[in-house]
PDB file of N, CA and C in Angstrom:
ATOM      1  N   MET A   1     -16.524 -11.734 -42.110  1.00  0.00           N
ATOM      2  CA  MET A   1     -15.774 -10.606 -41.621  1.00  0.00           C
ATOM      3  C   MET A   1     -16.291  -9.971 -40.402  1.00  0.00           C
ATOM      4  N   ARG A   2     -17.723  -9.867 -40.385  1.00  0.00           N
ATOM      5  CA  ARG A   2     -18.382  -9.171 -39.322  1.00  0.00           C
ATOM      6  C   ARG A   2     -18.313  -9.942 -38.090  1.00  0.00           C
ATOM      7  N   ARG A   3     -18.451 -11.294 -38.118  1.00  0.00           N
ATOM      8  CA  ARG A   3     -18.334 -12.153 -36.994  1.00  0.00           C
ATOM      9  C   ARG A   3     -16.973 -12.133 -36.439  1.00  0.00           C
ATOM     10  N   TRP A   4     -15.944 -12.123 -37.257  1.00  0.00           N
ATOM     11  CA  TRP A   4     -14.653 -12.102 -36.870  1.00  0.00           C
ATOM     12  C   TRP A   4     -14.349 -10.776 -36.010  1.00  0.00           C
ATOM     13  N   SER A   5     -14.876  -9.600 -36.441  1.00  0.00           N
ATOM     14  CA  SER A   5     -14.698  -8.389 -35.776  1.00  0.00           C
ATOM     15  C   SER A   5     -15.443  -8.380 -34.395  1.00  0.00           C
ATOM     16  N   THR A   6     -16.573  -9.006 -34.318  1.00  0.00           N
ATOM     17  CA  THR A   6     -17.397  -9.090 -33.163  1.00  0.00           C
ATOM     18  C   THR A   6     -16.578  -9.994 -32.059  1.00  0.00           C
ATOM     19  N   SER A   7     -16.042 -11.071 -32.583  1.00  0.00           N
ATOM     20  CA  SER A   7     -15.275 -11.872 -31.823  1.00  0.00           C
ATOM     21  C   SER A   7     -14.105 -11.129 -31.103  1.00  0.00           C
ATOM     22  N   LEU A   8     -13.418 -10.458 -32.052  1.00  0.00           N
ATOM     23  CA  LEU A   8     -12.167  -9.758 -31.621  1.00  0.00           C
ATOM     24  C   LEU A   8     -12.519  -8.691 -30.494  1.00  0.00           C
ATOM     25  N   VAL A   9     -13.649  -7.988 -30.755  1.00  0.00           N
ATOM     26  CA  VAL A   9     -14.154  -6.974 -29.760  1.00  0.00           C
ATOM     27  C   VAL A   9     -14.450  -7.643 -28.438  1.00  0.00           C
ATOM     28  N   ALA A  10     -15.125  -8.748 -28.532  1.00  0.00           N
ATOM     29  CA  ALA A  10     -15.597  -9.443 -27.240  1.00  0.00           C
ATOM     30  C   ALA A  10     -14.228  -9.920 -26.570  1.00  0.00           C
ATOM     31  N   VAL A  11     -13.223 -10.417 -27.130  1.00  0.00           N
ATOM     32  CA  VAL A  11     -12.038 -10.929 -26.451  1.00  0.00           C
ATOM     33  C   VAL A  11     -11.450  -9.671 -25.837  1.00  0.00           C
ATOM     34  N   ALA A  12     -11.374  -8.502 -26.480  1.00  0.00           N
ATOM     35  CA  ALA A  12     -10.736  -7.341 -25.975  1.00  0.00           C
ATOM     36  C   ALA A  12     -11.406  -6.930 -24.776  1.00  0.00           C
ATOM     37  N   VAL A  13     -12.734  -6.876 -24.764  1.00  0.00           N
ATOM     38  CA  VAL A  13     -13.550  -6.528 -23.640  1.00  0.00           C
ATOM     39  C   VAL A  13     -13.313  -7.561 -22.472  1.00  0.00           C
ATOM     40  N   VAL A  14     -13.307  -8.710 -22.644  1.00  0.00           N
ATOM     41  CA  VAL A  14     -13.018  -9.727 -21.625  1.00  0.00           C
ATOM     42  C   VAL A  14     -11.708  -9.535 -21.053  1.00  0.00           C
ATOM     43  N   LEU A  15     -10.664  -9.387 -21.737  1.00  0.00           N
ATOM     44  CA  LEU A  15      -9.275  -9.131 -21.295  1.00  0.00           C
ATOM     45  C   LEU A  15      -9.203  -7.827 -20.641  1.00  0.00           C
ATOM     46  N   GLY A  16      -9.859  -6.766 -21.010  1.00  0.00           N
ATOM     47  CA  GLY A  16      -9.802  -5.554 -20.434  1.00  0.00           C
ATOM     48  C   GLY A  16     -10.568  -5.484 -19.095  1.00  0.00           C
ATOM     49  N   VAL A  17     -11.769  -6.131 -18.931  1.00  0.00           N
ATOM     50  CA  VAL A  17     -12.523  -6.222 -17.711  1.00  0.00           C
ATOM     51  C   VAL A  17     -11.729  -7.174 -16.725  1.00  0.00           C
ATOM     52  N   GLY A  18     -11.132  -8.117 -17.218  1.00  0.00           N
ATOM     53  CA  GLY A  18     -10.390  -9.112 -16.235  1.00  0.00           C
ATOM     54  C   GLY A  18      -9.241  -8.415 -15.637  1.00  0.00           C
ATOM     55  N   SER A  19      -8.491  -7.478 -16.345  1.00  0.00           N
ATOM     56  CA  SER A  19      -7.392  -6.769 -15.695  1.00  0.00           C
ATOM     57  C   SER A  19      -7.949  -5.760 -14.798  1.00  0.00           C
ATOM     58  N   LEU A  20      -9.156  -5.167 -15.015  1.00  0.00           N
ATOM     59  CA  LEU A  20      -9.724  -4.149 -14.005  1.00  0.00           C
ATOM     60  C   LEU A  20     -10.225  -4.941 -12.928  1.00  0.00           C
ATOM     61  N   ALA A  21     -10.689  -6.102 -13.005  1.00  0.00           N
ATOM     62  CA  ALA A  21     -11.356  -6.774 -11.818  1.00  0.00           C
ATOM     63  C   ALA A  21     -10.193  -7.507 -10.912  1.00  0.00           C
ATOM     64  N   ARG A  22      -8.944  -7.488 -11.415  1.00  0.00           N
ATOM     65  CA  ARG A  22      -7.891  -8.142 -10.644  1.00  0.00           C
ATOM     66  C   ARG A  22      -7.871  -7.465  -9.274  1.00  0.00           C
ATOM     67  N   ALA A  23      -7.778  -8.189  -8.172  1.00  0.00           N
ATOM     68  CA  ALA A  23      -7.568  -7.538  -6.759  1.00  0.00           C
ATOM     69  C   ALA A  23      -6.160  -7.322  -6.676  1.00  0.00           C
ATOM     70  N   ASP A  24      -5.920  -6.156  -6.162  1.00  0.00           N
ATOM     71  CA  ASP A  24      -4.489  -5.722  -5.930  1.00  0.00           C
ATOM     72  C   ASP A  24      -4.225  -6.051  -4.410  1.00  0.00           C
ATOM     73  N   VAL A  25      -3.943  -7.192  -4.147  1.00  0.00           N
ATOM     74  CA  VAL A  25      -3.591  -7.707  -2.720  1.00  0.00           C
ATOM     75  C   VAL A  25      -2.105  -7.855  -2.655  1.00  0.00           C
ATOM     76  N   PRO A  26      -1.502  -7.066  -1.783  1.00  0.00           N
ATOM     77  CA  PRO A  26      -0.058  -7.192  -1.702  1.00  0.00           C
ATOM     78  C   PRO A  26       0.315  -8.603  -1.207  1.00  0.00           C
ATOM     79  N   LYS A  27       1.483  -9.204  -1.813  1.00  0.00           N
ATOM     80  CA  LYS A  27       2.034 -10.371  -1.466  1.00  0.00           C
ATOM     81  C   LYS A  27       2.800 -10.221  -0.056  1.00  0.00           C
ATOM     82  N   PRO A  28       2.938 -11.333   0.746  1.00  0.00           N
ATOM     83  CA  PRO A  28       3.550 -11.188   2.081  1.00  0.00           C
ATOM     84  C   PRO A  28       5.079 -10.690   1.847  1.00  0.00           C
ATOM     85  N   GLU A  29       5.637 -11.196   0.738  1.00  0.00           N
ATOM     86  CA  GLU A  29       7.087 -10.688   0.547  1.00  0.00           C
ATOM     87  C   GLU A  29       7.221  -9.208   0.214  1.00  0.00           C
ATOM     88  N   ASP A  30       6.223  -8.661  -0.503  1.00  0.00           N
ATOM     89  CA  ASP A  30       6.130  -7.231  -0.674  1.00  0.00           C
ATOM     90  C   ASP A  30       5.885  -6.418   0.576  1.00  0.00           C
ATOM     91  N   ILE A  31       4.960  -7.015   1.460  1.00  0.00           N
ATOM     92  CA  ILE A  31       4.772  -6.394   2.753  1.00  0.00           C
ATOM     93  C   ILE A  31       5.928  -6.226   3.529  1.00  0.00           C
ATOM     94  N   ALA A  32       6.684  -7.353   3.619  1.00  0.00           N
ATOM     95  CA  ALA A  32       7.879  -7.512   4.462  1.00  0.00           C
ATOM     96  C   ALA A  32       9.009  -6.575   3.796  1.00  0.00           C
ATOM     97  N   THR A  33       9.117  -6.425   2.669  1.00  0.00           N
ATOM     98  CA  THR A  33      10.071  -5.647   1.929  1.00  0.00           C
ATOM     99  C   THR A  33       9.815  -4.212   2.169  1.00  0.00           C
ATOM    100  N   CYS A  34       8.515  -3.782   2.159  1.00  0.00           N
ATOM    101  CA  CYS A  34       8.159  -2.423   2.173  1.00  0.00           C
ATOM    102  C   CYS A  34       8.180  -1.943   3.712  1.00  0.00           C
ATOM    103  N   ASN A  35       7.898  -2.871   4.577  1.00  0.00           N
ATOM    104  CA  ASN A  35       8.032  -2.560   6.050  1.00  0.00           C
ATOM    105  C   ASN A  35       9.534  -2.348   6.372  1.00  0.00           C
ATOM    106  N   SER A  36      10.410  -3.206   5.837  1.00  0.00           N
ATOM    107  CA  SER A  36      11.869  -2.998   6.064  1.00  0.00           C
ATOM    108  C   SER A  36      12.275  -1.626   5.533  1.00  0.00           C
ATOM    109  N   GLU A  37      11.849  -1.296   4.246  1.00  0.00           N
ATOM    110  CA  GLU A  37      12.283  -0.010   3.627  1.00  0.00           C
ATOM    111  C   GLU A  37      11.733   1.151   4.439  1.00  0.00           C
ATOM    112  N   ALA A  38      10.548   1.069   4.827  1.00  0.00           N
ATOM    113  CA  ALA A  38       9.976   2.175   5.624  1.00  0.00           C
ATOM    114  C   ALA A  38      10.753   2.341   7.006  1.00  0.00           C
ATOM    115  N   ARG A  39      10.990   1.203   7.646  1.00  0.00           N
ATOM    116  CA  ARG A  39      11.666   1.319   8.865  1.00  0.00           C
ATOM    117  C   ARG A  39      13.048   2.087   8.731  1.00  0.00           C
ATOM    118  N   GLU A  40      13.737   1.773   7.593  1.00  0.00           N
ATOM    119  CA  GLU A  40      15.001   2.429   7.324  1.00  0.00           C
ATOM    120  C   GLU A  40      14.816   3.864   6.966  1.00  0.00           C
ATOM    121  N   ALA A  41      13.756   4.265   6.329  1.00  0.00           N
ATOM    122  CA  ALA A  41      13.468   5.672   5.994  1.00  0.00           C
ATOM    123  C   ALA A  41      13.021   6.492   7.317  1.00  0.00           C
ATOM    124  N   ALA A  42      12.337   5.820   8.120  1.00  0.00           N
ATOM    125  CA  ALA A  42      12.123   6.533   9.469  1.00  0.00           C
ATOM    126  C   ALA A  42      13.265   6.759  10.283  1.00  0.00           C
ATOM    127  N   ARG A  43      14.218   5.951  10.126  1.00  0.00           N
ATOM    128  CA  ARG A  43      15.484   6.195  11.068  1.00  0.00           C
ATOM    129  C   ARG A  43      16.375   7.175  10.439  1.00  0.00           C
ATOM    130  N   LYS A  44      16.209   7.634   9.121  1.00  0.00           N
ATOM    131  CA  LYS A  44      17.047   8.511   8.486  1.00  0.00           C
ATOM    132  C   LYS A  44      16.676  10.061   8.870  1.00  0.00           C
ATOM    133  N   ASP A  45      17.499  10.857   8.614  1.00  0.00           N
ATOM    134  CA  ASP A  45      17.244  12.307   8.961  1.00  0.00           C
ATOM    135  C   ASP A  45      16.145  12.774   7.926  1.00  0.00           C
ATOM    136  N   PRO A  46      14.979  13.320   8.529  1.00  0.00           N
ATOM    137  CA  PRO A  46      13.951  13.586   7.629  1.00  0.00           C
ATOM    138  C   PRO A  46      14.152  14.529   6.544  1.00  0.00           C
ATOM    139  N   ALA A  47      15.324  15.351   6.605  1.00  0.00           N
ATOM    140  CA  ALA A  47      15.754  16.204   5.608  1.00  0.00           C
ATOM    141  C   ALA A  47      16.494  15.585   4.492  1.00  0.00           C
ATOM    142  N   ALA A  48      16.797  14.199   4.587  1.00  0.00           N
ATOM    143  CA  ALA A  48      17.556  13.440   3.598  1.00  0.00           C
ATOM    144  C   ALA A  48      16.623  13.412   2.347  1.00  0.00           C
ATOM    145  N   LEU A  49      17.353  13.622   1.168  1.00  0.00           N
ATOM    146  CA  LEU A  49      16.598  13.828  -0.065  1.00  0.00           C
ATOM    147  C   LEU A  49      15.880  12.478  -0.464  1.00  0.00           C
ATOM    148  N   SER A  50      16.380  11.377  -0.084  1.00  0.00           N
ATOM    149  CA  SER A  50      15.828  10.056  -0.531  1.00  0.00           C
ATOM    150  C   SER A  50      14.582   9.701   0.357  1.00  0.00           C
ATOM    151  N   THR A  51      14.341  10.420   1.496  1.00  0.00           N
ATOM    152  CA  THR A  51      13.267   9.981   2.332  1.00  0.00           C
ATOM    153  C   THR A  51      12.058  10.635   1.802  1.00  0.00           C
ATOM    154  N   PRO A  52      10.964   9.753   1.511  1.00  0.00           N
ATOM    155  CA  PRO A  52       9.660  10.307   0.965  1.00  0.00           C
ATOM    156  C   PRO A  52       8.938  11.231   1.955  1.00  0.00           C
ATOM    157  N   ALA A  53       8.470  12.331   1.430  1.00  0.00           N
ATOM    158  CA  ALA A  53       7.815  13.307   2.265  1.00  0.00           C
ATOM    159  C   ALA A  53       6.355  12.889   2.508  1.00  0.00           C
ATOM    160  N   PRO A  54       5.973  12.879   3.680  1.00  0.00           N
ATOM    161  CA  PRO A  54       4.572  12.558   4.026  1.00  0.00           C
ATOM    162  C   PRO A  54       3.578  13.536   3.588  1.00  0.00           C
ATOM    163  N   ASN A  55       2.390  13.124   3.109  1.00  0.00           N
ATOM    164  CA  ASN A  55       1.395  14.122   2.777  1.00  0.00           C
ATOM    165  C   ASN A  55       0.356  14.239   3.950  1.00  0.00           C
ATOM    166  N   ALA A  56      -0.709  15.185   3.629  1.00  0.00           N
ATOM    167  CA  ALA A  56      -1.516  15.357   4.768  1.00  0.00           C
ATOM    168  C   ALA A  56      -2.313  14.062   5.169  1.00  0.00           C
ATOM    169  N   THR A  57      -2.562  13.260   4.340  1.00  0.00           N
ATOM    170  CA  THR A  57      -3.254  11.922   4.607  1.00  0.00           C
ATOM    171  C   THR A  57      -2.371  11.100   5.510  1.00  0.00           C
ATOM    172  N   ASP A  58      -1.083  11.040   5.270  1.00  0.00           N
ATOM    173  CA  ASP A  58      -0.096  10.251   6.096  1.00  0.00           C
ATOM    174  C   ASP A  58      -0.090  10.865   7.544  1.00  0.00           C
ATOM    175  N   GLU A  59      -0.156  12.197   7.585  1.00  0.00           N
ATOM    176  CA  GLU A  59      -0.034  12.873   8.778  1.00  0.00           C
ATOM    177  C   GLU A  59      -1.389  12.547   9.678  1.00  0.00           C
ATOM    178  N   ARG A  60      -2.417  12.665   9.148  1.00  0.00           N
ATOM    179  CA  ARG A  60      -3.697  12.384   9.600  1.00  0.00           C
ATOM    180  C   ARG A  60      -3.801  10.851  10.030  1.00  0.00           C
ATOM    181  N   ARG A  61      -3.487   9.927   9.278  1.00  0.00           N
ATOM    182  CA  ARG A  61      -3.544   8.528   9.636  1.00  0.00           C
ATOM    183  C   ARG A  61      -2.612   8.194  10.769  1.00  0.00           C
ATOM    184  N   ALA A  62      -1.342   8.814  10.770  1.00  0.00           N
ATOM    185  CA  ALA A  62      -0.427   8.497  11.716  1.00  0.00           C
ATOM    186  C   ALA A  62      -0.911   9.023  13.113  1.00  0.00           C
ATOM    187  N   ALA A  63      -1.591  10.237  13.110  1.00  0.00           N
ATOM    188  CA  ALA A  63      -2.220  10.814  14.342  1.00  0.00           C
ATOM    189  C   ALA A  63      -3.297   9.867  14.927  1.00  0.00           C
ATOM    190  N   ASP A  64      -4.057   9.450  14.011  1.00  0.00           N
ATOM    191  CA  ASP A  64      -5.166   8.468  14.384  1.00  0.00           C
ATOM    192  C   ASP A  64      -4.632   7.242  14.951  1.00  0.00           C
ATOM    193  N   MET A  65      -3.633   6.700  14.428  1.00  0.00           N
ATOM    194  CA  MET A  65      -3.022   5.447  14.897  1.00  0.00           C
ATOM    195  C   MET A  65      -2.353   5.701  16.306  1.00  0.00           C
ATOM    196  N   ARG A  66      -1.811   6.904  16.478  1.00  0.00           N
ATOM    197  CA  ARG A  66      -1.237   7.171  17.763  1.00  0.00           C
ATOM    198  C   ARG A  66      -2.335   7.247  18.851  1.00  0.00           C
ATOM    199  N   ARG A  67      -3.548   7.931  18.439  1.00  0.00           N
ATOM    200  CA  ARG A  67      -4.562   7.999  19.334  1.00  0.00           C
ATOM    201  C   ARG A  67      -5.118   6.713  19.658  1.00  0.00           C
ATOM    202  N   GLN A  68      -5.320   5.754  18.753  1.00  0.00           N
ATOM    203  CA  GLN A  68      -5.915   4.432  18.976  1.00  0.00           C
ATOM    204  C   GLN A  68      -5.026   3.755  20.062  1.00  0.00           C
ATOM    205  N   ASP A  69      -3.712   3.656  19.734  1.00  0.00           N
ATOM    206  CA  ASP A  69      -2.785   2.857  20.625  1.00  0.00           C
ATOM    207  C   ASP A  69      -3.319   1.685  21.328  1.00  0.00           C
ATOM    208  N   ALA A  70      -4.069   0.994  20.510  1.00  0.00           N
ATOM    209  CA  ALA A  70      -4.674  -0.282  21.062  1.00  0.00           C
ATOM    210  C   ALA A  70      -4.259  -1.298  20.018  1.00  0.00           C
ATOM    211  N   PRO A  71      -4.450  -2.658  20.629  1.00  0.00           N
ATOM    212  CA  PRO A  71      -3.970  -3.744  19.632  1.00  0.00           C
ATOM    213  C   PRO A  71      -5.021  -3.766  18.361  1.00  0.00           C
ATOM    214  N   PRO A  72      -4.508  -4.434  17.408  1.00  0.00           N
ATOM    215  CA  PRO A  72      -5.454  -4.668  16.213  1.00  0.00           C
ATOM    216  C   PRO A  72      -6.746  -5.308  16.509  1.00  0.00           C
ATOM    217  N   ARG A  73      -7.734  -4.900  15.843  1.00  0.00           N
ATOM    218  CA  ARG A  73      -9.076  -5.404  16.163  1.00  0.00           C
ATOM    219  C   ARG A  73      -9.130  -6.891  16.200  1.00  0.00           C
ATOM    220  N   ASP A  74      -8.409  -7.694  15.424  1.00  0.00           N
ATOM    221  CA  ASP A  74      -8.388  -9.077  15.481  1.00  0.00           C
ATOM    222  C   ASP A  74      -7.501  -9.793  16.482  1.00  0.00           C
ATOM    223  N   GLY A  75      -6.808  -8.907  17.366  1.00  0.00           N
ATOM    224  CA  GLY A  75      -5.938  -9.397  18.461  1.00  0.00           C
ATOM    225  C   GLY A  75      -4.571  -9.841  17.965  1.00  0.00           C
ATOM    226  N   THR A  76      -4.296  -9.468  16.724  1.00  0.00           N
ATOM    227  CA  THR A  76      -2.869  -9.938  16.383  1.00  0.00           C
ATOM    228  C   THR A  76      -2.074  -8.631  15.991  1.00  0.00           C
ATOM    229  N   ALA A  77      -0.815  -8.894  15.671  1.00  0.00           N
ATOM    230  CA  ALA A  77       0.133  -7.795  15.295  1.00  0.00           C
ATOM    231  C   ALA A  77       0.443  -7.897  13.822  1.00  0.00           C
ATOM    232  N   ALA A  78      -0.582  -8.445  13.122  1.00  0.00           N
ATOM    233  CA  ALA A  78      -0.321  -8.809  11.681  1.00  0.00           C
ATOM    234  C   ALA A  78       0.027  -7.627  10.805  1.00  0.00           C
ATOM    235  N   GLY A  79      -0.531  -6.509  11.055  1.00  0.00           N
ATOM    236  CA  GLY A  79      -0.406  -5.289  10.232  1.00  0.00           C
ATOM    237  C   GLY A  79      -1.716  -4.608  10.004  1.00  0.00           C
ATOM    238  N   VAL A  80      -1.627  -3.340   9.419  1.00  0.00           N
ATOM    239  CA  VAL A  80      -2.810  -2.660   9.161  1.00  0.00           C
ATOM    240  C   VAL A  80      -3.571  -3.254   8.124  1.00  0.00           C
ATOM    241  N   ARG A  81      -4.881  -3.362   8.381  1.00  0.00           N
ATOM    242  CA  ARG A  81      -5.837  -3.840   7.468  1.00  0.00           C
ATOM    243  C   ARG A  81      -6.571  -2.741   6.750  1.00  0.00           C
ATOM    244  N   SER A  82      -6.509  -2.713   5.407  1.00  0.00           N
ATOM    245  CA  SER A  82      -7.047  -1.548   4.666  1.00  0.00           C
ATOM    246  C   SER A  82      -7.500  -2.091   3.368  1.00  0.00           C
ATOM    247  N   SER A  83      -8.444  -1.277   2.766  1.00  0.00           N
ATOM    248  CA  SER A  83      -8.901  -1.578   1.369  1.00  0.00           C
ATOM    249  C   SER A  83      -7.968  -0.841   0.338  1.00  0.00           C
ATOM    250  N   ASP A  84      -6.950   0.015   0.986  1.00  0.00           N
ATOM    251  CA  ASP A  84      -6.071   0.668   0.218  1.00  0.00           C
ATOM    252  C   ASP A  84      -4.863  -0.204   0.071  1.00  0.00           C
ATOM    253  N   PRO A  85      -4.582  -0.795  -1.095  1.00  0.00           N
ATOM    254  CA  PRO A  85      -3.403  -1.728  -1.160  1.00  0.00           C
ATOM    255  C   PRO A  85      -2.002  -1.050  -0.748  1.00  0.00           C
ATOM    256  N   GLN A  86      -1.931   0.294  -0.839  1.00  0.00           N
ATOM    257  CA  GLN A  86      -0.665   0.953  -0.612  1.00  0.00           C
ATOM    258  C   GLN A  86      -0.388   1.016   0.850  1.00  0.00           C
ATOM    259  N   ILE A  87      -1.381   0.743   1.782  1.00  0.00           N
ATOM    260  CA  ILE A  87      -1.125   0.749   3.320  1.00  0.00           C
ATOM    261  C   ILE A  87      -1.464  -0.658   3.886  1.00  0.00           C
ATOM    262  N   GLU A  88      -1.958  -1.531   3.095  1.00  0.00           N
ATOM    263  CA  GLU A  88      -2.274  -2.908   3.483  1.00  0.00           C
ATOM    264  C   GLU A  88      -1.038  -3.619   4.074  1.00  0.00           C
ATOM    265  N   GLY A  89      -1.137  -4.135   5.274  1.00  0.00           N
ATOM    266  CA  GLY A  89       0.027  -4.777   5.887  1.00  0.00           C
ATOM    267  C   GLY A  89       1.158  -3.988   6.628  1.00  0.00           C
ATOM    268  N   MET A  90       0.933  -2.693   6.677  1.00  0.00           N
ATOM    269  CA  MET A  90       1.883  -1.783   7.248  1.00  0.00           C
ATOM    270  C   MET A  90       2.040  -2.128   8.751  1.00  0.00           C
ATOM    271  N   ASP A  91       3.275  -2.149   9.245  1.00  0.00           N
ATOM    272  CA  ASP A  91       3.431  -2.365  10.729  1.00  0.00           C
ATOM    273  C   ASP A  91       2.709  -1.451  11.485  1.00  0.00           C
ATOM    274  N   PRO A  92       1.825  -1.852  12.492  1.00  0.00           N
ATOM    275  CA  PRO A  92       1.075  -1.061  13.221  1.00  0.00           C
ATOM    276  C   PRO A  92       1.854   0.102  13.912  1.00  0.00           C
ATOM    277  N   GLN A  93       2.992  -0.278  14.534  1.00  0.00           N
ATOM    278  CA  GLN A  93       3.832   0.770  15.207  1.00  0.00           C
ATOM    279  C   GLN A  93       4.406   1.731  14.281  1.00  0.00           C
ATOM    280  N   GLY A  94       4.886   1.292  13.168  1.00  0.00           N
ATOM    281  CA  GLY A  94       5.424   2.208  12.133  1.00  0.00           C
ATOM    282  C   GLY A  94       4.323   3.047  11.599  1.00  0.00           C
ATOM    283  N   ALA A  95       3.118   2.661  11.569  1.00  0.00           N
ATOM    284  CA  ALA A  95       1.967   3.456  11.025  1.00  0.00           C
ATOM    285  C   ALA A  95       1.783   4.731  11.890  1.00  0.00           C
ATOM    286  N   LYS A  96       2.345   4.786  13.029  1.00  0.00           N
ATOM    287  CA  LYS A  96       2.241   5.920  13.934  1.00  0.00           C
ATOM    288  C   LYS A  96       3.058   7.030  13.389  1.00  0.00           C
ATOM    289  N   ASN A  97       4.021   6.756  12.428  1.00  0.00           N
ATOM    290  CA  ASN A  97       4.924   7.749  11.979  1.00  0.00           C
ATOM    291  C   ASN A  97       4.602   8.180  10.533  1.00  0.00           C
ATOM    292  N   PRO A  98       4.556   9.431  10.309  1.00  0.00           N
ATOM    293  CA  PRO A  98       3.962   9.839   8.877  1.00  0.00           C
ATOM    294  C   PRO A  98       5.122   9.581   7.958  1.00  0.00           C
ATOM    295  N   ILE A  99       6.346   9.496   8.221  1.00  0.00           N
ATOM    296  CA  ILE A  99       7.538   9.297   7.403  1.00  0.00           C
ATOM    297  C   ILE A  99       7.515   7.826   7.044  1.00  0.00           C
ATOM    298  N   TYR A 100       7.204   7.074   8.043  1.00  0.00           N
ATOM    299  CA  TYR A 100       7.105   5.525   7.711  1.00  0.00           C
ATOM    300  C   TYR A 100       6.026   5.288   6.794  1.00  0.00           C
ATOM    301  N   GLN A 101       4.876   6.022   6.959  1.00  0.00           N
ATOM    302  CA  GLN A 101       3.759   5.745   6.068  1.00  0.00           C
ATOM    303  C   GLN A 101       4.096   6.168   4.620  1.00  0.00           C
ATOM    304  N   ALA A 102       4.646   7.260   4.461  1.00  0.00           N
ATOM    305  CA  ALA A 102       4.976   7.817   3.144  1.00  0.00           C
ATOM    306  C   ALA A 102       6.017   6.775   2.460  1.00  0.00           C
ATOM    307  N   ALA A 103       6.974   6.304   3.199  1.00  0.00           N
ATOM    308  CA  ALA A 103       8.016   5.364   2.632  1.00  0.00           C
ATOM    309  C   ALA A 103       7.278   4.026   2.295  1.00  0.00           C
ATOM    310  N   TYR A 104       6.471   3.485   3.142  1.00  0.00           N
ATOM    311  CA  TYR A 104       5.687   2.322   2.822  1.00  0.00           C
ATOM    312  C   TYR A 104       4.881   2.394   1.571  1.00  0.00           C
ATOM    313  N   ARG A 105       4.073   3.570   1.597  1.00  0.00           N
ATOM    314  CA  ARG A 105       3.209   3.821   0.362  1.00  0.00           C
ATOM    315  C   ARG A 105       4.138   3.957  -0.943  1.00  0.00           C
ATOM    316  N   THR A 106       5.296   4.630  -0.896  1.00  0.00           N
ATOM    317  CA  THR A 106       6.139   4.774  -1.961  1.00  0.00           C
ATOM    318  C   THR A 106       6.622   3.348  -2.418  1.00  0.00           C
ATOM    319  N   CYS A 107       7.062   2.597  -1.490  1.00  0.00           N
ATOM    320  CA  CYS A 107       7.558   1.176  -1.775  1.00  0.00           C
ATOM    321  C   CYS A 107       6.396   0.328  -2.456  1.00  0.00           C
ATOM    322  N   MET A 108       5.268   0.313  -1.913  1.00  0.00           N
ATOM    323  CA  MET A 108       4.117  -0.365  -2.479  1.00  0.00           C
ATOM    324  C   MET A 108       3.826   0.053  -3.915  1.00  0.00           C
ATOM    325  N   ARG A 109       3.920   1.444  -4.167  1.00  0.00           N
ATOM    326  CA  ARG A 109       3.564   1.916  -5.513  1.00  0.00           C
ATOM    327  C   ARG A 109       4.644   1.384  -6.379  1.00  0.00           C
ATOM    328  N   LYS A 110       5.939   1.385  -5.955  1.00  0.00           N
ATOM    329  CA  LYS A 110       7.041   0.891  -6.765  1.00  0.00           C
ATOM    330  C   LYS A 110       6.720  -0.678  -7.238  1.00  0.00           C
ATOM    331  N   ASN A 111       6.095  -1.303  -6.238  1.00  0.00           N
ATOM    332  CA  ASN A 111       5.789  -2.822  -6.535  1.00  0.00           C
ATOM    333  C   ASN A 111       4.472  -2.929  -7.237  1.00  0.00           C
ATOM    334  N   GLY A 112       3.879  -1.928  -7.686  1.00  0.00           N
ATOM    335  CA  GLY A 112       2.678  -2.045  -8.710  1.00  0.00           C
ATOM    336  C   GLY A 112       1.339  -2.112  -7.876  1.00  0.00           C
ATOM    337  N   TYR A 113       1.451  -1.573  -6.634  1.00  0.00           N
ATOM    338  CA  TYR A 113       0.190  -1.485  -5.797  1.00  0.00           C
ATOM    339  C   TYR A 113      -0.382  -0.076  -5.801  1.00  0.00           C
TER     340      TYR A 113
END
């Protein structure tokens, strides 16, 4: 009985750690969908109820992106590179708009990132 309990606990720990260690890397189709949704949100009237409200971090990041106004470090327009999966892959031009950033983050969160 004791051996069975120990095995059960070991399996639970392995499964639990495995789910924690999983890398949350957005898929290309999620990135494309969220960039599209964010583009639409940025075109809407900011007072529209369905438009996500930017937070202070979105405002700061957007201001930083506007100041940089340089091509991405790797020379491509592939998207924003970040350790934060909620902004990974964001269109660099859209990232200059805090409403775009809020909509992109919201979309990524809905997709489990």
